[in-house]
Structure formats: C-alpha cells, structure tokens
Amino acid sequence: MEKCISTQRIYDGKIMALRVDTVVTSSGRMTTREILERPEVVSVLPLDGEGNVILVRQFRYAVGRETLEIPAGVVGKGETPLAAAKRELREETGYDAGFLKEMVSYRPAIGYSTERMTVFLAKNLVYAPEKGDEEDIRVERIPFGQLYDMVVRGDSPLDDAKSVVAILFARARGEA
C-alpha cells in the first residue's frame, strides 16, 4: 500500500485534471505518481433489429483522423450512468432504446487514471432524432457477426478499447 504525502495540481480542464502525488511505498521508498482525473463515462453498443451494430464516425483531434466507434460520453453531474447512456445514444445516433442494460464496468487505464467506463447494450431501437450537441457525426451500420470476426482477426475498423470490449462482451455473454 502506498501513502500520499503531498499532491500538486498541474492542470484542471473541462474533461480532465492532472495531479502529481508524492507517495511513500510499502518498502519506504519515496516516489511520484502522475494521476489523470477523469469523470465517469459510458458507452453503448446499439444493435438494430437486423443484427447490425450502430456505429458513429467522427473526427478525433487527438489521433488526427476519423474514427469508427460506439456512442459514448461523460456522465453528467447528478446523472446516473443509465441516464447518460440513453442521452448519448440519442444525441449521437438519433435512436432511443426499448431495452438498455449494463454489460460491464471497467477502468480503461488503471495505472494512471481514475476513469471508470460502463458499457451498455441497447436493443429494440426506435429512431427519434433530435438535434444534439454533437457535430459532424455520421451513423454507420455493420453486421454484428462481421464486426466480431474482424475484431477477433485483428483487422477491425474499430480502433478504441470501449468498442472492442463491448463487442467481445456481447458475444461472450450471448447477447449478440
């Protein structure tokens, strides 16, 4: 177990904060830990009635290109993960889910980040578009079986952990 001796706030932004903690390890050695503070986030694996995964294509500045991924976003203050999943699904795809359930909750970068990601499965989709806060997002569909096979082979168009985790969990649990 490590004991925190001091904390230095390096950066406080809109979606993240960075701090450096000085800690004493169980062996008595003093060292530092860089911690990325992130809010709780959700992602949604939407499956339509024909067995397609509803994906969003959008430009991601951090990687300098468009990506294809499942809908996701931050859980707002006072909002439950379930409510955030419903909101993100509608904002990014224009769909409401008649069936929405949690599949898994995990920490994507446990060595340096506080972030927790909760992945939901959405079925019984009803198209009910509304103008959300997302710009330049396009919806695409890929059959679940085809997408799963591509993920397992390593040639998937999905390049982010949340989407891959959702696909693998859905198959492992017999949800798709």
N, C-alpha and C. Protein backbone atom coordinates (compact mmCIF):
# COMPACT_ATOMS: atom_id res chain seq x y z
N MET A 1 0.84 -1.18 0.00
CA MET A 1 0.00 0.00 0.00
C MET A 1 0.89 1.25 0.00
N GLU A 2 0.47 2.25 -0.72
CA GLU A 2 1.23 3.49 -0.77
C GLU A 2 0.48 4.60 -0.03
N LYS A 3 1.27 5.48 0.61
CA LYS A 3 0.68 6.59 1.36
C LYS A 3 1.04 7.90 0.67
N CYS A 4 0.02 8.72 0.42
CA CYS A 4 0.23 10.02 -0.23
C CYS A 4 0.76 11.02 0.79
N ILE A 5 1.87 11.65 0.45
CA ILE A 5 2.49 12.67 1.30
C ILE A 5 2.05 14.07 0.87
N SER A 6 1.97 14.28 -0.45
CA SER A 6 1.55 15.58 -0.96
C SER A 6 0.98 15.43 -2.37
N THR A 7 0.18 16.42 -2.76
CA THR A 7 -0.42 16.44 -4.09
C THR A 7 -0.19 17.80 -4.73
N GLN A 8 0.26 17.77 -5.97
CA GLN A 8 0.43 19.02 -6.73
C GLN A 8 -0.52 18.99 -7.92
N ARG A 9 -1.42 19.96 -8.00
CA ARG A 9 -2.34 20.07 -9.13
C ARG A 9 -1.57 20.71 -10.28
N ILE A 10 -1.54 20.02 -11.41
CA ILE A 10 -0.81 20.51 -12.58
C ILE A 10 -1.74 21.20 -13.56
N TYR A 11 -2.92 20.61 -13.75
CA TYR A 11 -3.85 21.13 -14.75
C TYR A 11 -5.28 20.77 -14.36
N ASP A 12 -6.19 21.71 -14.52
CA ASP A 12 -7.62 21.48 -14.33
C ASP A 12 -8.34 21.93 -15.58
N GLY A 13 -8.86 20.98 -16.34
CA GLY A 13 -9.56 21.30 -17.57
C GLY A 13 -11.03 20.92 -17.51
N LYS A 14 -11.68 21.03 -18.65
CA LYS A 14 -13.11 20.75 -18.75
C LYS A 14 -13.41 19.26 -18.59
N ILE A 15 -12.59 18.40 -19.19
CA ILE A 15 -12.87 16.96 -19.15
C ILE A 15 -11.79 16.14 -18.44
N MET A 16 -10.78 16.81 -17.92
CA MET A 16 -9.74 16.08 -17.21
C MET A 16 -8.96 17.03 -16.31
N ALA A 17 -8.27 16.42 -15.35
CA ALA A 17 -7.35 17.15 -14.48
C ALA A 17 -6.12 16.26 -14.30
N LEU A 18 -4.99 16.89 -14.08
CA LEU A 18 -3.75 16.14 -13.87
C LEU A 18 -3.14 16.58 -12.55
N ARG A 19 -2.75 15.58 -11.76
CA ARG A 19 -2.08 15.87 -10.50
C ARG A 19 -0.87 14.96 -10.38
N VAL A 20 0.10 15.39 -9.58
CA VAL A 20 1.26 14.56 -9.26
C VAL A 20 1.27 14.37 -7.75
N ASP A 21 1.16 13.11 -7.34
CA ASP A 21 1.19 12.76 -5.92
C ASP A 21 2.58 12.28 -5.55
N THR A 22 3.09 12.76 -4.44
CA THR A 22 4.32 12.21 -3.87
C THR A 22 3.86 11.17 -2.86
N VAL A 23 4.38 9.95 -3.00
CA VAL A 23 3.93 8.84 -2.16
C VAL A 23 5.12 8.12 -1.53
N VAL A 24 4.83 7.44 -0.44
CA VAL A 24 5.80 6.54 0.18
C VAL A 24 5.29 5.13 -0.08
N THR A 25 6.14 4.29 -0.68
CA THR A 25 5.75 2.92 -1.00
C THR A 25 5.80 2.06 0.26
N SER A 26 5.31 0.84 0.14
CA SER A 26 5.31 -0.08 1.29
C SER A 26 6.72 -0.41 1.75
N SER A 27 7.71 -0.26 0.86
CA SER A 27 9.10 -0.52 1.24
C SER A 27 9.79 0.72 1.82
N GLY A 28 9.05 1.84 1.90
CA GLY A 28 9.60 3.06 2.48
C GLY A 28 10.23 4.01 1.47
N ARG A 29 10.22 3.64 0.20
CA ARG A 29 10.80 4.49 -0.84
C ARG A 29 9.83 5.61 -1.22
N MET A 30 10.36 6.81 -1.44
CA MET A 30 9.53 7.94 -1.86
C MET A 30 9.60 8.05 -3.39
N THR A 31 8.42 8.24 -4.00
CA THR A 31 8.34 8.37 -5.46
C THR A 31 7.13 9.22 -5.82
N THR A 32 6.93 9.43 -7.10
CA THR A 32 5.76 10.21 -7.53
C THR A 32 4.85 9.35 -8.41
N ARG A 33 3.58 9.73 -8.40
CA ARG A 33 2.57 9.09 -9.25
C ARG A 33 1.83 10.19 -10.00
N GLU A 34 1.80 10.08 -11.31
CA GLU A 34 1.06 11.03 -12.14
C GLU A 34 -0.35 10.47 -12.35
N ILE A 35 -1.35 11.24 -11.96
CA ILE A 35 -2.73 10.76 -11.99
C ILE A 35 -3.57 11.65 -12.90
N LEU A 36 -4.23 11.03 -13.85
CA LEU A 36 -5.17 11.70 -14.73
C LEU A 36 -6.56 11.51 -14.14
N GLU A 37 -7.16 12.59 -13.69
CA GLU A 37 -8.51 12.52 -13.12
C GLU A 37 -9.52 12.71 -14.24
N ARG A 38 -10.41 11.74 -14.37
CA ARG A 38 -11.43 11.78 -15.42
C ARG A 38 -12.78 11.47 -14.80
N PRO A 39 -13.85 12.05 -15.34
CA PRO A 39 -15.18 11.71 -14.83
C PRO A 39 -15.59 10.32 -15.28
N GLU A 40 -16.65 9.84 -14.70
CA GLU A 40 -17.23 8.56 -15.12
C GLU A 40 -17.77 8.72 -16.53
N VAL A 41 -17.60 7.68 -17.35
CA VAL A 41 -18.06 7.72 -18.73
C VAL A 41 -18.87 6.46 -19.04
N VAL A 42 -19.68 6.55 -20.09
CA VAL A 42 -20.49 5.42 -20.54
C VAL A 42 -20.28 5.22 -22.03
N SER A 43 -20.53 4.00 -22.47
CA SER A 43 -20.57 3.70 -23.90
C SER A 43 -21.75 2.76 -24.13
N VAL A 44 -22.24 2.76 -25.36
CA VAL A 44 -23.44 1.99 -25.69
C VAL A 44 -23.20 1.18 -26.95
N LEU A 45 -23.49 -0.13 -26.88
CA LEU A 45 -23.45 -1.00 -28.05
C LEU A 45 -24.88 -1.13 -28.56
N PRO A 46 -25.26 -0.36 -29.58
CA PRO A 46 -26.63 -0.42 -30.09
C PRO A 46 -26.76 -1.47 -31.20
N LEU A 47 -27.71 -2.39 -31.02
CA LEU A 47 -27.97 -3.43 -32.02
C LEU A 47 -29.37 -3.22 -32.58
N ASP A 48 -29.45 -3.09 -33.91
CA ASP A 48 -30.77 -2.90 -34.52
C ASP A 48 -31.47 -4.24 -34.73
N GLY A 49 -32.68 -4.21 -35.23
CA GLY A 49 -33.48 -5.42 -35.41
C GLY A 49 -32.95 -6.39 -36.44
N GLU A 50 -32.02 -5.93 -37.28
CA GLU A 50 -31.43 -6.80 -38.30
C GLU A 50 -30.07 -7.34 -37.86
N GLY A 51 -29.67 -7.09 -36.63
CA GLY A 51 -28.40 -7.61 -36.13
C GLY A 51 -27.20 -6.74 -36.45
N ASN A 52 -27.45 -5.50 -36.85
CA ASN A 52 -26.35 -4.57 -37.14
C ASN A 52 -25.97 -3.77 -35.90
N VAL A 53 -24.70 -3.45 -35.81
CA VAL A 53 -24.22 -2.53 -34.77
C VAL A 53 -24.31 -1.12 -35.35
N ILE A 54 -24.91 -0.23 -34.60
CA ILE A 54 -24.98 1.18 -35.00
C ILE A 54 -23.72 1.85 -34.47
N LEU A 55 -22.90 2.36 -35.38
CA LEU A 55 -21.63 2.98 -35.03
C LEU A 55 -21.63 4.45 -35.42
N VAL A 56 -20.74 5.21 -34.82
CA VAL A 56 -20.60 6.62 -35.19
C VAL A 56 -19.20 6.87 -35.75
N ARG A 57 -19.17 7.61 -36.84
CA ARG A 57 -17.90 8.01 -37.45
C ARG A 57 -17.73 9.50 -37.16
N GLN A 58 -16.58 9.84 -36.57
CA GLN A 58 -16.32 11.23 -36.22
C GLN A 58 -14.83 11.51 -36.21
N PHE A 59 -14.48 12.77 -36.40
CA PHE A 59 -13.08 13.17 -36.35
C PHE A 59 -12.64 13.27 -34.90
N ARG A 60 -11.51 12.66 -34.60
CA ARG A 60 -10.93 12.73 -33.25
C ARG A 60 -9.60 13.47 -33.35
N TYR A 61 -9.59 14.67 -32.83
CA TYR A 61 -8.42 15.54 -32.94
C TYR A 61 -7.16 14.88 -32.35
N ALA A 62 -7.29 14.19 -31.22
CA ALA A 62 -6.13 13.61 -30.54
C ALA A 62 -5.35 12.65 -31.43
N VAL A 63 -6.04 11.93 -32.32
CA VAL A 63 -5.35 10.99 -33.20
C VAL A 63 -5.27 11.51 -34.63
N GLY A 64 -5.86 12.67 -34.88
CA GLY A 64 -5.73 13.32 -36.17
C GLY A 64 -6.45 12.68 -37.32
N ARG A 65 -7.55 11.96 -37.03
CA ARG A 65 -8.28 11.30 -38.11
C ARG A 65 -9.69 10.94 -37.66
N GLU A 66 -10.49 10.50 -38.63
CA GLU A 66 -11.82 10.00 -38.31
C GLU A 66 -11.71 8.62 -37.69
N THR A 67 -12.62 8.33 -36.78
CA THR A 67 -12.68 7.02 -36.15
C THR A 67 -14.09 6.47 -36.27
N LEU A 68 -14.20 5.16 -36.16
CA LEU A 68 -15.49 4.48 -36.13
C LEU A 68 -15.58 3.82 -34.77
N GLU A 69 -16.65 4.13 -34.02
CA GLU A 69 -16.75 3.65 -32.65
C GLU A 69 -18.20 3.60 -32.20
N ILE A 70 -18.43 3.00 -31.05
CA ILE A 70 -19.77 3.00 -30.49
C ILE A 70 -20.00 4.35 -29.80
N PRO A 71 -21.27 4.76 -29.64
CA PRO A 71 -21.56 6.02 -28.96
C PRO A 71 -21.05 5.99 -27.52
N ALA A 72 -20.60 7.16 -27.05
CA ALA A 72 -20.06 7.25 -25.69
C ALA A 72 -20.04 8.69 -25.23
N GLY A 73 -19.90 8.86 -23.92
CA GLY A 73 -19.78 10.21 -23.38
C GLY A 73 -19.69 10.22 -21.87
N VAL A 74 -19.57 11.41 -21.34
CA VAL A 74 -19.39 11.63 -19.91
C VAL A 74 -20.72 11.58 -19.18
N VAL A 75 -20.71 10.99 -17.99
CA VAL A 75 -21.87 11.01 -17.10
C VAL A 75 -21.90 12.39 -16.45
N GLY A 76 -23.00 13.11 -16.64
CA GLY A 76 -23.12 14.46 -16.09
C GLY A 76 -23.32 14.46 -14.59
N LYS A 77 -23.09 15.62 -13.98
CA LYS A 77 -23.30 15.75 -12.53
C LYS A 77 -24.76 15.49 -12.22
N GLY A 78 -25.01 14.62 -11.23
CA GLY A 78 -26.36 14.28 -10.84
C GLY A 78 -27.05 13.30 -11.78
N GLU A 79 -26.34 12.83 -12.78
CA GLU A 79 -26.90 11.91 -13.77
C GLU A 79 -26.44 10.49 -13.46
N THR A 80 -27.30 9.51 -13.66
CA THR A 80 -26.90 8.11 -13.49
C THR A 80 -26.23 7.63 -14.78
N PRO A 81 -25.41 6.58 -14.70
CA PRO A 81 -24.85 6.03 -15.93
C PRO A 81 -25.93 5.60 -16.93
N LEU A 82 -27.03 5.03 -16.45
CA LEU A 82 -28.11 4.62 -17.34
C LEU A 82 -28.70 5.82 -18.08
N ALA A 83 -28.96 6.90 -17.36
CA ALA A 83 -29.50 8.11 -17.99
C ALA A 83 -28.50 8.69 -19.00
N ALA A 84 -27.22 8.65 -18.66
CA ALA A 84 -26.19 9.15 -19.58
C ALA A 84 -26.12 8.30 -20.84
N ALA A 85 -26.25 6.98 -20.68
CA ALA A 85 -26.23 6.08 -21.84
C ALA A 85 -27.41 6.38 -22.77
N LYS A 86 -28.59 6.57 -22.21
CA LYS A 86 -29.77 6.92 -23.02
C LYS A 86 -29.54 8.22 -23.77
N ARG A 87 -29.03 9.22 -23.06
CA ARG A 87 -28.79 10.53 -23.65
C ARG A 87 -27.76 10.47 -24.77
N GLU A 88 -26.64 9.80 -24.51
CA GLU A 88 -25.59 9.71 -25.53
C GLU A 88 -26.06 8.96 -26.77
N LEU A 89 -26.81 7.89 -26.57
CA LEU A 89 -27.33 7.12 -27.71
C LEU A 89 -28.18 8.02 -28.59
N ARG A 90 -29.07 8.76 -27.98
CA ARG A 90 -29.97 9.63 -28.75
C ARG A 90 -29.19 10.78 -29.41
N GLU A 91 -28.32 11.43 -28.65
CA GLU A 91 -27.57 12.57 -29.20
C GLU A 91 -26.69 12.18 -30.37
N GLU A 92 -26.04 11.03 -30.28
CA GLU A 92 -25.06 10.66 -31.30
C GLU A 92 -25.65 9.88 -32.46
N THR A 93 -26.76 9.15 -32.23
CA THR A 93 -27.31 8.31 -33.31
C THR A 93 -28.73 8.66 -33.70
N GLY A 94 -29.47 9.33 -32.82
CA GLY A 94 -30.88 9.61 -33.08
C GLY A 94 -31.80 8.49 -32.66
N TYR A 95 -31.27 7.48 -31.96
CA TYR A 95 -32.08 6.33 -31.54
C TYR A 95 -32.36 6.35 -30.05
N ASP A 96 -33.56 5.86 -29.70
CA ASP A 96 -33.92 5.52 -28.32
C ASP A 96 -33.93 4.00 -28.24
N ALA A 97 -33.61 3.48 -27.06
CA ALA A 97 -33.59 2.03 -26.87
C ALA A 97 -34.76 1.59 -26.00
N GLY A 98 -35.51 0.59 -26.48
CA GLY A 98 -36.57 -0.01 -25.68
C GLY A 98 -35.99 -0.93 -24.62
N PHE A 99 -34.77 -1.39 -24.86
CA PHE A 99 -34.07 -2.29 -23.94
C PHE A 99 -32.65 -1.75 -23.78
N LEU A 100 -32.25 -1.47 -22.56
CA LEU A 100 -30.91 -0.95 -22.29
C LEU A 100 -30.43 -1.54 -20.98
N LYS A 101 -29.32 -2.27 -21.04
CA LYS A 101 -28.80 -2.87 -19.80
C LYS A 101 -27.29 -2.79 -19.74
N GLU A 102 -26.79 -2.72 -18.51
CA GLU A 102 -25.35 -2.67 -18.29
C GLU A 102 -24.74 -4.03 -18.58
N MET A 103 -23.65 -4.03 -19.35
CA MET A 103 -22.92 -5.27 -19.62
C MET A 103 -21.69 -5.41 -18.73
N VAL A 104 -20.92 -4.32 -18.60
CA VAL A 104 -19.68 -4.39 -17.83
C VAL A 104 -19.25 -2.98 -17.45
N SER A 105 -18.53 -2.89 -16.35
CA SER A 105 -17.92 -1.64 -15.93
C SER A 105 -16.45 -1.93 -15.67
N TYR A 106 -15.58 -1.10 -16.20
CA TYR A 106 -14.14 -1.36 -16.06
C TYR A 106 -13.37 -0.05 -16.05
N ARG A 107 -12.10 -0.14 -15.72
CA ARG A 107 -11.21 1.03 -15.72
C ARG A 107 -10.23 0.87 -16.88
N PRO A 108 -10.36 1.72 -17.90
CA PRO A 108 -9.54 1.57 -19.11
C PRO A 108 -8.04 1.78 -18.91
N ALA A 109 -7.64 2.59 -17.94
CA ALA A 109 -6.21 2.89 -17.75
C ALA A 109 -5.91 2.96 -16.26
N ILE A 110 -6.04 1.83 -15.60
CA ILE A 110 -5.99 1.75 -14.13
C ILE A 110 -4.64 2.17 -13.53
N GLY A 111 -3.59 2.16 -14.31
CA GLY A 111 -2.28 2.52 -13.80
C GLY A 111 -2.08 4.00 -13.56
N TYR A 112 -2.90 4.84 -14.21
CA TYR A 112 -2.68 6.28 -14.06
C TYR A 112 -3.95 7.13 -14.13
N SER A 113 -5.11 6.51 -14.31
CA SER A 113 -6.34 7.28 -14.48
C SER A 113 -7.43 6.82 -13.52
N THR A 114 -8.28 7.77 -13.11
CA THR A 114 -9.41 7.47 -12.24
C THR A 114 -10.65 7.08 -13.03
N GLU A 115 -10.60 7.16 -14.35
CA GLU A 115 -11.78 6.93 -15.19
C GLU A 115 -12.39 5.54 -15.02
N ARG A 116 -13.72 5.51 -14.97
CA ARG A 116 -14.48 4.26 -15.00
C ARG A 116 -15.41 4.32 -16.20
N MET A 117 -15.41 3.27 -17.00
CA MET A 117 -16.25 3.16 -18.19
C MET A 117 -17.30 2.09 -17.93
N THR A 118 -18.56 2.43 -18.12
CA THR A 118 -19.65 1.47 -18.03
C THR A 118 -20.21 1.27 -19.43
N VAL A 119 -20.26 0.01 -19.86
CA VAL A 119 -20.72 -0.33 -21.21
C VAL A 119 -22.14 -0.88 -21.13
N PHE A 120 -23.01 -0.34 -21.96
CA PHE A 120 -24.41 -0.76 -22.02
C PHE A 120 -24.71 -1.42 -23.36
N LEU A 121 -25.67 -2.34 -23.34
CA LEU A 121 -26.20 -2.96 -24.54
C LEU A 121 -27.57 -2.34 -24.80
N ALA A 122 -27.81 -1.90 -26.03
CA ALA A 122 -29.10 -1.29 -26.41
C ALA A 122 -29.74 -2.10 -27.52
N LYS A 123 -31.01 -2.45 -27.33
CA LYS A 123 -31.79 -3.17 -28.35
C LYS A 123 -33.17 -2.53 -28.45
N ASN A 124 -33.99 -3.07 -29.36
CA ASN A 124 -35.34 -2.53 -29.59
C ASN A 124 -35.26 -1.03 -29.87
N LEU A 125 -34.44 -0.69 -30.85
CA LEU A 125 -34.17 0.71 -31.16
C LEU A 125 -35.31 1.35 -31.94
N VAL A 126 -35.59 2.58 -31.59
CA VAL A 126 -36.61 3.38 -32.28
C VAL A 126 -35.94 4.69 -32.70
N TYR A 127 -36.05 5.00 -33.99
CA TYR A 127 -35.43 6.22 -34.49
C TYR A 127 -36.26 7.42 -34.06
N ALA A 128 -35.64 8.31 -33.32
CA ALA A 128 -36.32 9.51 -32.80
C ALA A 128 -35.31 10.65 -32.76
N PRO A 129 -34.90 11.13 -33.94
CA PRO A 129 -33.79 12.10 -33.98
C PRO A 129 -34.13 13.42 -33.32
N GLU A 130 -33.11 14.00 -32.75
CA GLU A 130 -33.20 15.36 -32.22
C GLU A 130 -31.84 15.99 -32.43
N LYS A 131 -31.80 17.27 -32.52
CA LYS A 131 -30.53 17.96 -32.72
C LYS A 131 -29.77 17.94 -31.40
N GLY A 132 -28.69 17.18 -31.37
CA GLY A 132 -27.87 17.10 -30.17
C GLY A 132 -26.72 18.09 -30.22
N ASP A 133 -25.80 17.94 -29.28
CA ASP A 133 -24.66 18.86 -29.24
C ASP A 133 -23.48 18.35 -30.05
N GLU A 134 -23.64 17.21 -30.68
CA GLU A 134 -22.55 16.64 -31.46
C GLU A 134 -22.59 17.17 -32.89
N GLU A 135 -21.44 17.49 -33.43
CA GLU A 135 -21.36 17.94 -34.80
C GLU A 135 -20.53 16.95 -35.60
N ASP A 136 -20.83 16.88 -36.88
CA ASP A 136 -20.04 16.07 -37.80
C ASP A 136 -19.94 14.61 -37.37
N ILE A 137 -21.02 14.05 -36.91
CA ILE A 137 -21.07 12.62 -36.59
C ILE A 137 -21.96 11.95 -37.62
N ARG A 138 -21.44 10.88 -38.22
CA ARG A 138 -22.22 10.10 -39.19
C ARG A 138 -22.47 8.71 -38.61
N VAL A 139 -23.66 8.21 -38.83
CA VAL A 139 -24.03 6.88 -38.34
C VAL A 139 -23.76 5.85 -39.42
N GLU A 140 -23.16 4.73 -39.03
CA GLU A 140 -22.90 3.61 -39.95
C GLU A 140 -23.35 2.33 -39.28
N ARG A 141 -23.67 1.33 -40.10
CA ARG A 141 -24.11 0.03 -39.60
C ARG A 141 -23.19 -1.07 -40.15
N ILE A 142 -22.82 -1.98 -39.28
CA ILE A 142 -22.05 -3.16 -39.69
C ILE A 142 -22.68 -4.35 -38.98
N PRO A 143 -22.94 -5.45 -39.71
CA PRO A 143 -23.50 -6.63 -39.06
C PRO A 143 -22.62 -7.08 -37.88
N PHE A 144 -23.27 -7.41 -36.75
CA PHE A 144 -22.52 -7.78 -35.56
C PHE A 144 -21.54 -8.92 -35.83
N GLY A 145 -21.99 -9.99 -36.48
CA GLY A 145 -21.12 -11.13 -36.73
C GLY A 145 -19.89 -10.76 -37.53
N GLN A 146 -20.06 -9.94 -38.53
CA GLN A 146 -18.94 -9.49 -39.36
C GLN A 146 -17.97 -8.64 -38.53
N LEU A 147 -18.52 -7.75 -37.72
CA LEU A 147 -17.68 -6.89 -36.89
C LEU A 147 -16.92 -7.72 -35.84
N TYR A 148 -17.61 -8.68 -35.23
CA TYR A 148 -16.95 -9.56 -34.26
C TYR A 148 -15.80 -10.31 -34.91
N ASP A 149 -16.04 -10.89 -36.08
CA ASP A 149 -14.98 -11.63 -36.78
C ASP A 149 -13.78 -10.74 -37.07
N MET A 150 -14.02 -9.50 -37.48
CA MET A 150 -12.92 -8.57 -37.76
C MET A 150 -12.15 -8.24 -36.49
N VAL A 151 -12.85 -8.05 -35.37
CA VAL A 151 -12.18 -7.76 -34.10
C VAL A 151 -11.28 -8.93 -33.71
N VAL A 152 -11.79 -10.15 -33.81
CA VAL A 152 -11.02 -11.33 -33.42
C VAL A 152 -9.81 -11.53 -34.34
N ARG A 153 -9.96 -11.24 -35.63
CA ARG A 153 -8.85 -11.37 -36.58
C ARG A 153 -7.83 -10.25 -36.44
N GLY A 154 -8.22 -9.15 -35.81
CA GLY A 154 -7.31 -8.02 -35.68
C GLY A 154 -7.35 -7.05 -36.83
N ASP A 155 -8.38 -7.14 -37.67
CA ASP A 155 -8.48 -6.20 -38.80
C ASP A 155 -9.78 -5.39 -38.74
N SER A 156 -10.17 -5.06 -37.54
CA SER A 156 -11.41 -4.32 -37.32
C SER A 156 -11.23 -2.84 -37.63
N PRO A 157 -12.29 -2.19 -38.11
CA PRO A 157 -12.22 -0.73 -38.29
C PRO A 157 -12.32 0.01 -36.95
N LEU A 158 -12.61 -0.73 -35.88
CA LEU A 158 -12.70 -0.13 -34.55
C LEU A 158 -11.30 -0.01 -33.97
N ASP A 159 -10.97 1.18 -33.50
CA ASP A 159 -9.61 1.43 -33.03
C ASP A 159 -9.57 1.86 -31.57
N ASP A 160 -10.67 1.69 -30.86
CA ASP A 160 -10.73 2.13 -29.48
C ASP A 160 -11.16 0.97 -28.58
N ALA A 161 -10.67 1.00 -27.35
CA ALA A 161 -10.90 -0.10 -26.42
C ALA A 161 -12.37 -0.29 -26.08
N LYS A 162 -13.11 0.79 -25.88
CA LYS A 162 -14.51 0.66 -25.45
C LYS A 162 -15.33 -0.11 -26.46
N SER A 163 -15.09 0.13 -27.74
CA SER A 163 -15.85 -0.56 -28.79
C SER A 163 -15.48 -2.04 -28.86
N VAL A 164 -14.20 -2.33 -28.77
CA VAL A 164 -13.74 -3.72 -28.81
C VAL A 164 -14.26 -4.48 -27.58
N VAL A 165 -14.16 -3.88 -26.40
CA VAL A 165 -14.66 -4.52 -25.17
C VAL A 165 -16.15 -4.82 -25.31
N ALA A 166 -16.92 -3.87 -25.83
CA ALA A 166 -18.37 -4.06 -25.97
C ALA A 166 -18.68 -5.23 -26.90
N ILE A 167 -18.00 -5.30 -28.03
CA ILE A 167 -18.22 -6.39 -29.00
C ILE A 167 -17.89 -7.74 -28.36
N LEU A 168 -16.75 -7.83 -27.70
CA LEU A 168 -16.33 -9.10 -27.10
C LEU A 168 -17.24 -9.52 -25.95
N PHE A 169 -17.65 -8.60 -25.10
CA PHE A 169 -18.56 -8.93 -24.00
C PHE A 169 -19.93 -9.38 -24.52
N ALA A 170 -20.43 -8.69 -25.53
CA ALA A 170 -21.75 -9.06 -26.07
C ALA A 170 -21.72 -10.48 -26.61
N ARG A 171 -20.66 -10.86 -27.30
CA ARG A 171 -20.55 -12.22 -27.84
C ARG A 171 -20.35 -13.22 -26.71
N ALA A 172 -19.47 -12.92 -25.77
CA ALA A 172 -19.17 -13.85 -24.67
C ALA A 172 -20.40 -14.13 -23.82
N ARG A 173 -21.28 -13.16 -23.70
CA ARG A 173 -22.48 -13.32 -22.88
C ARG A 173 -23.69 -13.76 -23.68
N GLY A 174 -23.49 -14.03 -24.97
CA GLY A 174 -24.59 -14.50 -25.80
C GLY A 174 -25.64 -13.44 -26.09
N GLU A 175 -25.26 -12.18 -26.01
CA GLU A 175 -26.20 -11.07 -26.23
C GLU A 175 -26.35 -10.73 -27.71
N ALA A 176 -25.42 -11.17 -28.51
CA ALA A 176 -25.48 -10.84 -29.94
C ALA A 176 -24.89 -11.97 -30.77
